[in-house]
Protein backbone atom coordinates (compact mmCIF):
# COMPACT_ATOMS: atom_id res chain seq x y z
CA MET A 1 35.62 -48.80 48.04
CA VAL A 2 32.13 -47.43 47.45
CA ARG A 3 31.23 -50.44 45.25
CA ARG A 4 32.40 -52.83 47.97
CA ALA A 5 30.29 -51.04 50.55
CA ILE A 6 27.19 -51.26 48.31
CA PHE A 7 27.80 -54.98 47.72
CA LEU A 8 28.10 -55.64 51.45
CA LEU A 9 24.90 -53.65 52.06
CA VAL A 10 23.03 -55.82 49.52
CA LEU A 11 24.28 -58.97 51.22
CA ALA A 12 23.07 -57.65 54.54
CA ILE A 13 19.58 -56.96 53.16
CA LEU A 14 19.17 -60.42 51.57
CA PRO A 15 17.25 -62.96 53.70
CA LEU A 16 19.37 -65.37 55.68
CA GLY A 17 20.48 -68.27 53.45
CA THR A 18 19.72 -66.44 50.18
CA SER A 19 22.67 -66.05 47.84
CA PRO A 20 23.01 -63.20 45.30
CA THR A 21 22.63 -65.81 42.52
CA ALA A 22 19.36 -67.10 43.97
CA ALA A 23 18.08 -63.53 44.29
CA ARG A 24 18.79 -62.83 40.62
CA GLN A 25 17.10 -66.06 39.59
CA ALA A 26 14.04 -65.14 41.66
CA GLU A 27 13.69 -61.96 39.60
CA GLU A 28 13.85 -63.78 36.25
CA PRO A 29 10.48 -64.12 34.48
CA ARG A 30 9.15 -67.64 34.13
CA GLN A 31 9.15 -68.90 30.56
CA ILE A 32 5.97 -70.33 29.08
CA GLY A 33 5.14 -71.72 25.66
CA VAL A 34 8.63 -73.12 25.20
CA GLY A 35 7.69 -76.79 25.11
CA GLY A 36 10.95 -78.09 26.50
CA ALA A 37 13.33 -80.14 24.38
CA SER A 38 13.14 -80.30 20.60
CA GLY A 39 9.96 -82.08 19.48
CA ALA A 40 7.93 -81.26 22.61
CA ALA A 41 4.53 -79.58 22.22
CA ALA A 42 4.77 -75.88 23.07
CA PHE A 43 1.31 -74.52 22.36
CA ALA A 44 -1.85 -75.20 20.36
CA VAL A 45 -3.56 -72.65 18.15
CA VAL A 46 -7.01 -72.27 16.59
CA GLY A 47 -7.63 -69.59 14.00
CA GLN A 48 -8.17 -68.39 10.47
CA THR A 49 -6.09 -67.35 7.50
CA ARG A 50 -7.54 -64.78 5.12
CA ARG A 51 -6.04 -64.56 1.66
CA ARG A 52 -6.64 -61.64 -0.69
CA ASN A 53 -4.47 -61.41 -3.81
CA ASP A 54 -0.86 -62.02 -2.74
CA ARG A 55 -1.36 -60.98 0.89
CA LEU A 56 -2.20 -63.39 3.71
CA SER A 57 -3.30 -62.45 7.20
CA PHE A 58 -3.69 -64.98 9.99
CA TYR A 59 -5.15 -64.65 13.44
CA GLY A 60 -6.46 -66.83 16.24
CA TYR A 61 -6.02 -67.82 19.86
CA LEU A 62 -3.89 -70.21 21.86
CA SER A 63 -5.92 -73.10 23.27
CA ARG A 64 -2.97 -74.70 25.11
CA VAL A 65 0.27 -73.20 26.42
CA ALA A 66 3.09 -75.19 27.97
CA GLY A 67 3.53 -74.01 31.55
CA LEU A 68 -0.04 -72.74 32.03
CA THR A 69 -3.26 -74.38 33.15
CA ALA A 70 -6.59 -74.17 31.31
CA GLU A 71 -7.77 -71.73 33.99
CA GLU A 72 -4.87 -69.46 33.11
CA VAL A 73 -5.26 -69.79 29.34
CA PHE A 74 -9.01 -68.97 29.36
CA THR A 75 -11.13 -66.61 31.42
CA ASP A 76 -13.70 -69.43 31.48
CA PRO A 77 -12.10 -72.86 30.94
CA ASP A 78 -15.56 -74.43 30.68
CA ASP A 79 -16.25 -72.28 27.62
CA PRO A 80 -12.95 -72.20 25.68
CA GLY A 81 -12.92 -70.11 22.54
CA ALA A 82 -11.76 -66.86 20.99
CA GLY A 83 -13.90 -64.77 23.33
CA THR A 84 -12.42 -66.27 26.51
CA ALA A 85 -8.81 -66.74 25.35
CA ARG A 86 -6.16 -64.74 27.16
CA PHE A 87 -3.54 -65.28 24.45
CA THR A 88 -4.06 -64.41 20.79
CA VAL A 89 -1.95 -64.24 17.65
CA PHE A 90 -2.04 -61.96 14.64
CA GLY A 91 0.27 -61.83 11.66
CA SER A 92 0.60 -61.12 7.96
CA ALA A 93 2.71 -62.51 5.14
CA ASP A 94 3.38 -61.98 1.44
CA LEU A 95 3.31 -64.62 -1.27
CA ASP A 96 6.76 -65.95 -2.23
CA SER A 97 5.82 -68.74 -4.62
CA ARG A 98 2.87 -70.70 -6.00
CA ILE A 99 2.95 -74.21 -7.45
CA GLU A 100 -0.07 -75.82 -9.07
CA LEU A 101 -0.19 -79.60 -9.07
CA ASP A 102 -2.88 -82.01 -10.23
CA GLY A 103 -5.82 -81.02 -8.03
CA MET A 104 -3.59 -79.26 -5.49
CA VAL A 105 -2.11 -75.80 -4.89
CA VAL A 106 1.06 -75.19 -2.86
CA GLU A 107 1.77 -71.61 -1.80
CA SER A 108 4.62 -70.24 0.30
CA PHE A 109 4.52 -66.99 2.28
CA SER A 110 6.91 -65.07 4.54
CA GLY A 111 6.10 -62.43 7.13
CA THR A 112 5.83 -61.78 10.85
CA THR A 113 3.46 -62.64 13.65
CA ARG A 114 2.91 -61.40 17.19
CA ILE A 115 1.54 -63.05 20.30
CA TYR A 116 -0.69 -60.92 22.51
CA THR A 117 -2.12 -61.23 25.98
CA ASN A 118 -5.44 -59.78 27.06
CA GLN A 119 -6.43 -60.72 30.58
CA GLY A 120 -10.10 -60.09 29.89
CA GLY A 121 -10.27 -61.98 26.58
CA GLY A 122 -12.79 -60.64 24.10
CA ALA A 123 -11.47 -61.63 20.64
CA ASP A 124 -14.05 -62.12 17.89
CA TYR A 125 -13.56 -63.59 14.40
CA ALA A 126 -16.08 -61.07 13.08
CA VAL A 127 -13.55 -58.38 14.03
CA PRO A 128 -10.05 -59.68 13.11
CA GLU A 129 -8.46 -56.59 14.66
CA SER A 130 -9.68 -57.77 18.07
CA PHE A 131 -6.94 -60.40 18.01
CA PHE A 132 -4.30 -57.72 18.49
CA ALA A 133 -6.29 -55.69 21.04
CA GLY A 134 -4.07 -56.85 23.90
CA THR A 135 -0.41 -56.31 24.79
CA ALA A 136 2.20 -57.75 22.43
CA VAL A 137 4.49 -60.09 24.39
CA ALA A 138 6.44 -61.80 21.60
CA GLU A 139 7.21 -61.37 17.90
CA ALA A 140 8.41 -63.97 15.41
CA ASP A 141 9.48 -64.29 11.81
CA ALA A 142 7.05 -66.61 10.03
CA SER A 143 7.60 -68.82 7.00
CA LEU A 144 4.31 -70.42 5.99
CA GLN A 145 3.38 -73.10 3.47
CA ASP A 146 -0.26 -73.68 2.56
CA VAL A 147 -1.14 -76.92 0.75
CA ARG A 148 -4.78 -77.09 -0.29
CA ALA A 149 -7.14 -78.65 -2.76
CA ALA A 150 -7.50 -76.73 -6.01
CA GLU A 151 -11.30 -76.52 -5.71
CA GLU A 152 -12.80 -73.54 -3.93
CA ASP A 153 -13.86 -75.43 -0.81
CA GLY A 154 -11.62 -78.19 0.46
CA ALA A 155 -9.12 -79.40 3.02
CA ALA A 156 -5.84 -77.59 3.68
CA LEU A 157 -2.58 -78.44 5.40
CA ILE A 158 -0.65 -75.51 6.86
CA ALA A 159 2.94 -75.63 8.09
CA VAL A 160 4.60 -72.61 9.69
CA ASP A 161 8.18 -72.12 10.82
CA LEU A 162 8.30 -69.55 13.62
CA ALA A 163 11.52 -67.97 14.89
CA ILE A 164 11.13 -65.78 17.98
CA THR A 165 12.86 -62.41 17.52
CA THR A 166 11.62 -60.58 20.63
CA ALA A 167 10.03 -61.77 23.88
CA GLU A 168 9.26 -59.22 26.57
CA PRO A 169 8.47 -60.05 30.22
CA PHE A 170 4.89 -59.27 31.17
CA PRO A 171 2.87 -59.37 34.40
CA PHE A 172 0.43 -62.23 34.76
CA GLY A 173 -1.34 -62.49 38.09
CA ASP A 174 1.34 -62.52 40.76
CA GLU A 175 4.05 -63.61 38.33
CA SER A 176 6.29 -62.20 35.67
CA LEU A 177 6.22 -64.37 32.53
CA ARG A 178 7.98 -64.50 29.19
CA PHE A 179 6.61 -66.28 26.12
CA GLY A 180 9.61 -68.16 24.77
CA GLN A 181 12.90 -66.39 24.21
CA PRO A 182 14.70 -64.81 21.27
CA GLY A 183 16.29 -67.51 19.15
CA ALA A 184 13.70 -70.17 19.99
CA SER A 185 11.96 -71.70 16.99
CA PHE A 186 8.81 -73.74 16.49
CA LEU A 187 7.11 -75.76 13.79
CA VAL A 188 3.34 -75.31 13.65
CA THR A 189 1.37 -77.97 11.78
CA ALA A 190 -2.35 -77.46 11.27
CA LEU A 191 -5.27 -78.91 9.37
CA GLY A 192 -8.00 -76.68 8.01
CA ALA A 193 -10.96 -76.21 5.73
CA THR A 194 -10.96 -73.54 3.02
CA ARG A 195 -14.00 -71.52 2.01
CA ASP A 196 -14.77 -68.37 0.06
CA ALA A 197 -15.65 -65.24 2.00
CA ALA A 198 -17.22 -61.96 1.05
CA GLY A 199 -15.01 -59.44 -0.69
CA SER A 200 -13.06 -61.92 -2.85
CA ALA A 201 -11.13 -63.21 0.16
CA VAL A 202 -10.38 -66.90 0.68
CA VAL A 203 -10.65 -67.98 4.32
CA THR A 204 -9.22 -71.12 5.90
CA ASP A 205 -10.34 -72.20 9.37
CA PHE A 206 -7.55 -74.19 11.03
CA ALA A 207 -6.38 -75.82 14.24
CA GLY A 208 -2.91 -77.14 15.02
CA THR A 209 -0.03 -77.61 17.40
CA ALA A 210 3.41 -76.03 17.66
CA VAL A 211 6.38 -78.17 18.58
CA ALA A 212 9.73 -76.84 19.71
CA ALA A 213 12.51 -76.96 17.16
CA THR A 214 14.78 -75.54 19.86
CA GLY A 215 14.20 -75.12 23.56
CA ALA A 216 15.14 -76.04 27.09
CA PRO A 217 14.13 -79.25 28.90
CA GLY A 218 10.65 -79.04 30.37
CA GLU A 219 7.07 -80.17 30.10
CA GLY A 220 5.23 -79.75 26.81
CA ALA A 221 1.64 -78.70 26.29
CA PRO A 222 -0.88 -81.54 26.15
CA ALA A 223 -2.49 -82.60 22.91
CA THR A 224 -5.67 -80.77 22.04
CA ARG A 225 -8.93 -81.37 20.23
CA ALA A 226 -10.43 -78.57 18.22
CA ARG A 227 -13.50 -77.91 16.13
CA VAL A 228 -13.31 -75.84 12.96
CA ASP A 229 -15.65 -75.65 10.00
CA GLY A 230 -15.34 -78.93 8.14
CA CYS A 231 -12.90 -80.51 10.62
CA VAL A 232 -14.39 -81.96 13.78
CA GLY A 233 -12.59 -83.84 16.55
CA VAL A 234 -9.14 -83.69 14.96
CA ARG A 235 -6.39 -84.59 17.41
CA PHE A 236 -2.92 -83.10 17.01
CA LEU A 237 0.03 -84.74 18.71
CA ALA A 238 3.67 -83.77 18.83
CA PRO A 239 6.27 -86.46 18.09
CA GLY A 240 6.77 -88.62 21.13
CA HIS A 241 3.40 -87.58 22.63
CA GLY A 242 1.19 -90.49 21.71
């Protein structure tokens, strides 16, 4: 009897013409970075990998996010970059296997990565830790393959399978958002340029696009152009997007 009274009270409080189902839907966070149906672009990323021995760290920022405008992705859309990006990524992985081919090295890694939001931006490649200075909004298992030229400096192709394990709602302006959802998966394909860095580390600057391997119907993120050391004006397109 008490439960029935509470239910009737809720109905009385709801605005005229608003059903309980609509009220629940209004409270649901809006999903971003999903990319819609399988094969749609979900987000674009620019960053670095840093390899030392059998450990790989990777960090960068999102330059495009499905469901957000450039003004929402960057604090200053006229000056896009790590310092103005509101969404960053940081992860680490361990070496699983290494194959040496004629003039080519293929390495596979497995680990985890997190996506962060920082409304004020402020990331800096000189301080890799700055890429996880914000609030973690999603975490994913990462399976990464790095195909690069055997010489010290050369081109690299990076492919990453991401499987979202957690995605927490977070406030963003006047909205509540969620980056993807648990169970969603993405394939990130990136081109890069490898170079030696101080301290025996090998650094690869890269830029690429993530496409949805699973997802719900919706609009994908637009293609992006990025500039990294040794790779200028590379355009990345998801299947079916040009």
